[in-house]
PDB file of all heavy atoms in Angstrom:
ATOM      1  N   ARG A   1     112.254 116.280  90.663  1.00  0.00           N
ATOM      2  CA  ARG A   1     111.123 117.243  90.494  1.00  0.00           C
ATOM      3  C   ARG A   1     110.159 117.140  91.682  1.00  0.00           C
ATOM      4  O   ARG A   1     109.687 116.084  92.019  1.00  0.00           O
ATOM      5  CB  ARG A   1     110.303 116.851  89.222  1.00  0.00           C
ATOM      6  CG  ARG A   1     111.112 117.073  87.905  1.00  0.00           C
ATOM      7  CD  ARG A   1     110.068 116.889  86.681  1.00  0.00           C
ATOM      8  NE  ARG A   1     109.709 115.462  86.571  1.00  0.00           N
ATOM      9  CZ  ARG A   1     110.277 114.667  85.892  1.00  0.00           C
ATOM     10  NH1 ARG A   1     111.341 114.855  85.198  1.00  0.00           N
ATOM     11  NH2 ARG A   1     109.819 113.346  85.739  1.00  0.00           N
ATOM     12  N   PRO A   2     109.974 118.281  92.362  1.00  0.00           N
ATOM     13  CA  PRO A   2     108.890 118.351  93.472  1.00  0.00           C
ATOM     14  C   PRO A   2     107.644 117.862  92.901  1.00  0.00           C
ATOM     15  O   PRO A   2     107.203 118.034  91.797  1.00  0.00           O
ATOM     16  CB  PRO A   2     108.920 119.724  93.837  1.00  0.00           C
ATOM     17  CG  PRO A   2     110.199 120.387  93.289  1.00  0.00           C
ATOM     18  CD  PRO A   2     110.506 119.672  92.102  1.00  0.00           C
ATOM     19  N   LEU A   3     106.867 117.162  93.780  1.00  0.00           N
ATOM     20  CA  LEU A   3     105.686 116.515  93.306  1.00  0.00           C
ATOM     21  C   LEU A   3     104.619 117.639  92.958  1.00  0.00           C
ATOM     22  O   LEU A   3     103.727 117.299  92.063  1.00  0.00           O
ATOM     23  CB  LEU A   3     105.092 115.723  94.410  1.00  0.00           C
ATOM     24  CG  LEU A   3     105.961 114.503  94.819  1.00  0.00           C
ATOM     25  CD1 LEU A   3     105.312 113.681  95.959  1.00  0.00           C
ATOM     26  CD2 LEU A   3     106.162 113.540  93.642  1.00  0.00           C
ATOM     27  N   ARG A   4     104.691 118.804  93.492  1.00  0.00           N
ATOM     28  CA  ARG A   4     103.672 119.821  93.050  1.00  0.00           C
ATOM     29  C   ARG A   4     103.766 120.089  91.575  1.00  0.00           C
ATOM     30  O   ARG A   4     102.789 120.674  91.050  1.00  0.00           O
ATOM     31  CB  ARG A   4     103.901 121.128  93.898  1.00  0.00           C
ATOM     32  CG  ARG A   4     105.282 121.739  93.605  1.00  0.00           C
ATOM     33  CD  ARG A   4     105.346 123.042  94.481  1.00  0.00           C
ATOM     34  NE  ARG A   4     106.729 123.599  94.490  1.00  0.00           N
ATOM     35  CZ  ARG A   4     107.704 123.338  95.170  1.00  0.00           C
ATOM     36  NH1 ARG A   4     107.522 122.385  96.152  1.00  0.00           N
ATOM     37  NH2 ARG A   4     108.882 123.816  95.109  1.00  0.00           N
ATOM     38  N   ARG A   5     104.889 119.783  90.931  1.00  0.00           N
ATOM     39  CA  ARG A   5     105.002 120.093  89.493  1.00  0.00           C
ATOM     40  C   ARG A   5     104.442 118.994  88.621  1.00  0.00           C
ATOM     41  O   ARG A   5     104.366 119.170  87.381  1.00  0.00           O
ATOM     42  CB  ARG A   5     106.446 120.288  89.068  1.00  0.00           C
ATOM     43  CG  ARG A   5     107.149 121.500  89.737  1.00  0.00           C
ATOM     44  CD  ARG A   5     108.446 121.802  88.978  1.00  0.00           C
ATOM     45  NE  ARG A   5     109.361 122.651  89.831  1.00  0.00           N
ATOM     46  CZ  ARG A   5     110.576 122.892  89.514  1.00  0.00           C
ATOM     47  NH1 ARG A   5     111.146 122.400  88.432  1.00  0.00           N
ATOM     48  NH2 ARG A   5     111.237 123.739  90.230  1.00  0.00           N
ATOM     49  N   GLY A   6     104.023 117.854  89.188  1.00  0.00           N
ATOM     50  CA  GLY A   6     103.508 116.712  88.392  1.00  0.00           C
ATOM     51  C   GLY A   6     102.056 116.976  88.070  1.00  0.00           C
ATOM     52  O   GLY A   6     101.445 117.872  88.504  1.00  0.00           O
ATOM     53  N   SER A   7     101.654 116.087  87.159  1.00  0.00           N
ATOM     54  CA  SER A   7     100.192 116.184  86.787  1.00  0.00           C
ATOM     55  C   SER A   7      99.458 115.042  87.443  1.00  0.00           C
ATOM     56  O   SER A   7      99.806 113.779  87.325  1.00  0.00           O
ATOM     57  CB  SER A   7     100.112 115.923  85.294  1.00  0.00           C
ATOM     58  OG  SER A   7      98.836 115.950  84.858  1.00  0.00           O
ATOM     59  N   TRP A   8      98.556 115.469  88.309  1.00  0.00           N
ATOM     60  CA  TRP A   8      97.853 114.484  89.193  1.00  0.00           C
ATOM     61  C   TRP A   8      96.345 114.584  88.968  1.00  0.00           C
ATOM     62  O   TRP A   8      95.831 115.736  88.969  1.00  0.00           O
ATOM     63  CB  TRP A   8      98.194 114.751  90.694  1.00  0.00           C
ATOM     64  CG  TRP A   8      99.697 114.734  90.863  1.00  0.00           C
ATOM     65  CD1 TRP A   8     100.475 115.897  90.978  1.00  0.00           C
ATOM     66  CD2 TRP A   8     100.588 113.697  91.131  1.00  0.00           C
ATOM     67  NE1 TRP A   8     101.751 115.571  91.111  1.00  0.00           N
ATOM     68  CE2 TRP A   8     101.849 114.161  91.171  1.00  0.00           C
ATOM     69  CE3 TRP A   8     100.440 112.313  91.043  1.00  0.00           C
ATOM     70  CZ2 TRP A   8     102.950 113.447  91.379  1.00  0.00           C
ATOM     71  CZ3 TRP A   8     101.527 111.422  91.252  1.00  0.00           C
ATOM     72  CH2 TRP A   8     102.786 111.982  91.421  1.00  0.00           C
ATOM     73  N   THR A   9      95.656 113.458  89.055  1.00  0.00           N
ATOM     74  CA  THR A   9      94.185 113.586  89.045  1.00  0.00           C
ATOM     75  C   THR A   9      93.716 113.997  90.408  1.00  0.00           C
ATOM     76  O   THR A   9      94.481 113.893  91.376  1.00  0.00           O
ATOM     77  CB  THR A   9      93.557 112.159  88.715  1.00  0.00           C
ATOM     78  OG1 THR A   9      93.993 111.328  89.779  1.00  0.00           O
ATOM     79  CG2 THR A   9      94.128 111.601  87.421  1.00  0.00           C
ATOM     80  N   PRO A  10      92.445 114.452  90.681  1.00  0.00           N
ATOM     81  CA  PRO A  10      92.038 114.684  92.008  1.00  0.00           C
ATOM     82  C   PRO A  10      92.140 113.669  92.975  1.00  0.00           C
ATOM     83  O   PRO A  10      92.524 113.829  94.131  1.00  0.00           O
ATOM     84  CB  PRO A  10      90.565 115.118  91.795  1.00  0.00           C
ATOM     85  CG  PRO A  10      90.449 115.635  90.362  1.00  0.00           C
ATOM     86  CD  PRO A  10      91.509 114.752  89.687  1.00  0.00           C
ATOM     87  N   GLU A  11      91.916 112.432  92.502  1.00  0.00           N
ATOM     88  CA  GLU A  11      92.010 111.323  93.462  1.00  0.00           C
ATOM     89  C   GLU A  11      93.594 111.059  93.850  1.00  0.00           C
ATOM     90  O   GLU A  11      93.954 110.824  94.990  1.00  0.00           O
ATOM     91  CB  GLU A  11      91.468 110.007  92.746  1.00  0.00           C
ATOM     92  CG  GLU A  11      91.654 108.665  93.644  1.00  0.00           C
ATOM     93  CD  GLU A  11      91.055 108.752  94.965  1.00  0.00           C
ATOM     94  OE1 GLU A  11      90.025 109.637  95.218  1.00  0.00           O
ATOM     95  OE2 GLU A  11      91.306 107.953  95.886  1.00  0.00           O
ATOM     96  N   GLU A  12      94.408 111.173  92.878  1.00  0.00           N
ATOM     97  CA  GLU A  12      95.841 111.116  93.150  1.00  0.00           C
ATOM     98  C   GLU A  12      96.436 112.185  94.152  1.00  0.00           C
ATOM     99  O   GLU A  12      97.125 111.865  95.023  1.00  0.00           O
ATOM    100  CB  GLU A  12      96.657 111.152  91.860  1.00  0.00           C
ATOM    101  CG  GLU A  12      96.553 109.919  91.029  1.00  0.00           C
ATOM    102  CD  GLU A  12      97.266 110.074  89.621  1.00  0.00           C
ATOM    103  OE1 GLU A  12      97.286 111.270  89.145  1.00  0.00           O
ATOM    104  OE2 GLU A  12      97.646 109.041  89.071  1.00  0.00           O
ATOM    105  N   ALA A  13      95.825 113.427  93.933  1.00  0.00           N
ATOM    106  CA  ALA A  13      96.221 114.438  94.797  1.00  0.00           C
ATOM    107  C   ALA A  13      95.668 114.153  96.186  1.00  0.00           C
ATOM    108  O   ALA A  13      96.401 114.538  97.133  1.00  0.00           O
ATOM    109  CB  ALA A  13      95.630 115.723  94.233  1.00  0.00           C
ATOM    110  N   ARG A  14      94.494 113.569  96.374  1.00  0.00           N
ATOM    111  CA  ARG A  14      93.956 113.330  97.611  1.00  0.00           C
ATOM    112  C   ARG A  14      94.884 112.227  98.384  1.00  0.00           C
ATOM    113  O   ARG A  14      95.228 112.462  99.531  1.00  0.00           O
ATOM    114  CB  ARG A  14      92.598 112.660  97.510  1.00  0.00           C
ATOM    115  CG  ARG A  14      91.978 112.297  98.854  1.00  0.00           C
ATOM    116  CD  ARG A  14      90.633 111.536  98.673  1.00  0.00           C
ATOM    117  NE  ARG A  14      90.832 110.175  98.281  1.00  0.00           N
ATOM    118  CZ  ARG A  14      91.324 109.216  98.916  1.00  0.00           C
ATOM    119  NH1 ARG A  14      91.378 109.277 100.267  1.00  0.00           N
ATOM    120  NH2 ARG A  14      91.470 107.960  98.449  1.00  0.00           N
ATOM    121  N   LEU A  15      95.393 111.228  97.652  1.00  0.00           N
ATOM    122  CA  LEU A  15      96.293 110.202  98.100  1.00  0.00           C
ATOM    123  C   LEU A  15      97.598 110.801  98.512  1.00  0.00           C
ATOM    124  O   LEU A  15      98.137 110.529  99.628  1.00  0.00           O
ATOM    125  CB  LEU A  15      96.494 108.991  97.213  1.00  0.00           C
ATOM    126  CG  LEU A  15      95.151 108.200  96.977  1.00  0.00           C
ATOM    127  CD1 LEU A  15      95.469 107.159  95.813  1.00  0.00           C
ATOM    128  CD2 LEU A  15      94.825 107.430  98.202  1.00  0.00           C
ATOM    129  N   LEU A  16      98.130 111.692  97.773  1.00  0.00           N
ATOM    130  CA  LEU A  16      99.457 112.271  98.157  1.00  0.00           C
ATOM    131  C   LEU A  16      99.303 113.178  99.471  1.00  0.00           C
ATOM    132  O   LEU A  16     100.182 113.096 100.260  1.00  0.00           O
ATOM    133  CB  LEU A  16      99.828 113.327  96.959  1.00  0.00           C
ATOM    134  CG  LEU A  16     100.355 112.631  95.645  1.00  0.00           C
ATOM    135  CD1 LEU A  16     100.589 113.694  94.652  1.00  0.00           C
ATOM    136  CD2 LEU A  16     101.596 111.848  95.965  1.00  0.00           C
ATOM    137  N   LYS A  17      98.110 113.793  99.548  1.00  0.00           N
ATOM    138  CA  LYS A  17      97.911 114.577 100.718  1.00  0.00           C
ATOM    139  C   LYS A  17      97.786 113.641 102.004  1.00  0.00           C
ATOM    140  O   LYS A  17      98.334 113.892 103.061  1.00  0.00           O
ATOM    141  CB  LYS A  17      96.664 115.482 100.686  1.00  0.00           C
ATOM    142  CG  LYS A  17      96.351 116.390 101.826  1.00  0.00           C
ATOM    143  CD  LYS A  17      95.232 117.341 101.582  1.00  0.00           C
ATOM    144  CE  LYS A  17      94.930 118.206 102.779  1.00  0.00           C
ATOM    145  NZ  LYS A  17      93.837 119.140 102.557  1.00  0.00           N
ATOM    146  N   GLU A  18      97.093 112.595 101.784  1.00  0.00           N
ATOM    147  CA  GLU A  18      96.785 111.547 102.863  1.00  0.00           C
ATOM    148  C   GLU A  18      98.142 110.923 103.223  1.00  0.00           C
ATOM    149  O   GLU A  18      98.388 110.678 104.436  1.00  0.00           O
ATOM    150  CB  GLU A  18      95.855 110.525 102.348  1.00  0.00           C
ATOM    151  CG  GLU A  18      95.416 109.482 103.423  1.00  0.00           C
ATOM    152  CD  GLU A  18      94.501 108.453 102.754  1.00  0.00           C
ATOM    153  OE1 GLU A  18      93.412 108.869 102.411  1.00  0.00           O
ATOM    154  OE2 GLU A  18      94.806 107.228 102.913  1.00  0.00           O
ATOM    155  N   LEU A  19      99.083 110.739 102.312  1.00  0.00           N
ATOM    156  CA  LEU A  19     100.376 110.185 102.577  1.00  0.00           C
ATOM    157  C   LEU A  19     101.389 111.138 103.178  1.00  0.00           C
ATOM    158  O   LEU A  19     102.536 110.874 103.524  1.00  0.00           O
ATOM    159  CB  LEU A  19     100.944 109.539 101.297  1.00  0.00           C
ATOM    160  CG  LEU A  19     100.241 108.319 100.718  1.00  0.00           C
ATOM    161  CD1 LEU A  19     100.477 108.043  99.321  1.00  0.00           C
ATOM    162  CD2 LEU A  19     100.581 107.171 101.593  1.00  0.00           C
ATOM    163  N   GLY A  20     100.941 112.481 103.273  1.00  0.00           N
ATOM    164  CA  GLY A  20     101.813 113.513 103.853  1.00  0.00           C
ATOM    165  C   GLY A  20     102.979 113.929 102.969  1.00  0.00           C
ATOM    166  O   GLY A  20     103.960 114.217 103.470  1.00  0.00           O
ATOM    167  N   MET A  21     102.826 113.853 101.632  1.00  0.00           N
ATOM    168  CA  MET A  21     103.937 114.299 100.733  1.00  0.00           C
ATOM    169  C   MET A  21     104.072 115.794 100.728  1.00  0.00           C
ATOM    170  O   MET A  21     103.222 116.503 100.361  1.00  0.00           O
ATOM    171  CB  MET A  21     103.591 113.843  99.341  1.00  0.00           C
ATOM    172  CG  MET A  21     103.509 112.349  99.133  1.00  0.00           C
ATOM    173  SD  MET A  21     105.043 111.511  99.447  1.00  0.00           S
ATOM    174  CE  MET A  21     104.850 109.898  98.935  1.00  0.00           C
ATOM    175  N   ILE A  22     105.272 116.247 101.279  1.00  0.00           N
ATOM    176  CA  ILE A  22     105.567 117.632 101.465  1.00  0.00           C
ATOM    177  C   ILE A  22     105.739 118.413 100.163  1.00  0.00           C
ATOM    178  O   ILE A  22     105.201 119.530 100.087  1.00  0.00           O
ATOM    179  CB  ILE A  22     106.716 117.869 102.329  1.00  0.00           C
ATOM    180  CG1 ILE A  22     106.646 117.048 103.673  1.00  0.00           C
ATOM    181  CG2 ILE A  22     106.968 119.315 102.698  1.00  0.00           C
ATOM    182  CD1 ILE A  22     107.876 117.122 104.465  1.00  0.00           C
ATOM    183  N   SER A  23     106.433 117.830  99.298  1.00  0.00           N
ATOM    184  CA  SER A  23     106.842 118.542  97.995  1.00  0.00           C
ATOM    185  C   SER A  23     105.649 118.645  97.064  1.00  0.00           C
ATOM    186  O   SER A  23     105.660 119.219  96.056  1.00  0.00           O
ATOM    187  CB  SER A  23     108.028 117.808  97.321  1.00  0.00           C
ATOM    188  OG  SER A  23     107.619 116.635  96.737  1.00  0.00           O
ATOM    189  N   ALA A  24     104.520 117.950  97.436  1.00  0.00           N
ATOM    190  CA  ALA A  24     103.330 118.097  96.656  1.00  0.00           C
ATOM    191  C   ALA A  24     102.416 119.323  97.035  1.00  0.00           C
ATOM    192  O   ALA A  24     101.548 119.775  96.325  1.00  0.00           O
ATOM    193  CB  ALA A  24     102.357 116.781  96.842  1.00  0.00           C
ATOM    194  N   LYS A  25     102.785 119.952  98.234  1.00  0.00           N
ATOM    195  CA  LYS A  25     102.020 121.128  98.658  1.00  0.00           C
ATOM    196  C   LYS A  25     102.214 122.369  97.793  1.00  0.00           C
ATOM    197  O   LYS A  25     103.445 122.501  97.359  1.00  0.00           O
ATOM    198  CB  LYS A  25     102.404 121.416 100.111  1.00  0.00           C
ATOM    199  CG  LYS A  25     102.115 120.333 101.132  1.00  0.00           C
ATOM    200  CD  LYS A  25     102.544 120.691 102.511  1.00  0.00           C
ATOM    201  CE  LYS A  25     102.453 119.346 103.451  1.00  0.00           C
ATOM    202  NZ  LYS A  25     100.999 119.001 103.618  1.00  0.00           N
ATOM    203  N   PRO A  26     101.236 123.014  97.479  1.00  0.00           N
ATOM    204  CA  PRO A  26     101.502 124.352  96.807  1.00  0.00           C
ATOM    205  C   PRO A  26     102.368 125.361  97.516  1.00  0.00           C
ATOM    206  O   PRO A  26     102.305 125.306  98.672  1.00  0.00           O
ATOM    207  CB  PRO A  26      99.963 124.924  96.555  1.00  0.00           C
ATOM    208  CG  PRO A  26      99.220 124.303  97.733  1.00  0.00           C
ATOM    209  CD  PRO A  26      99.847 122.994  97.994  1.00  0.00           C
TER     210      PRO A  26
END
């Protein structure tokens, strides 16, 4: 499952972005 489909808190989303997770991007 691409990370963008997961349920993330605002803080978790910030960390995913900071870690450079590509599949989390809209």
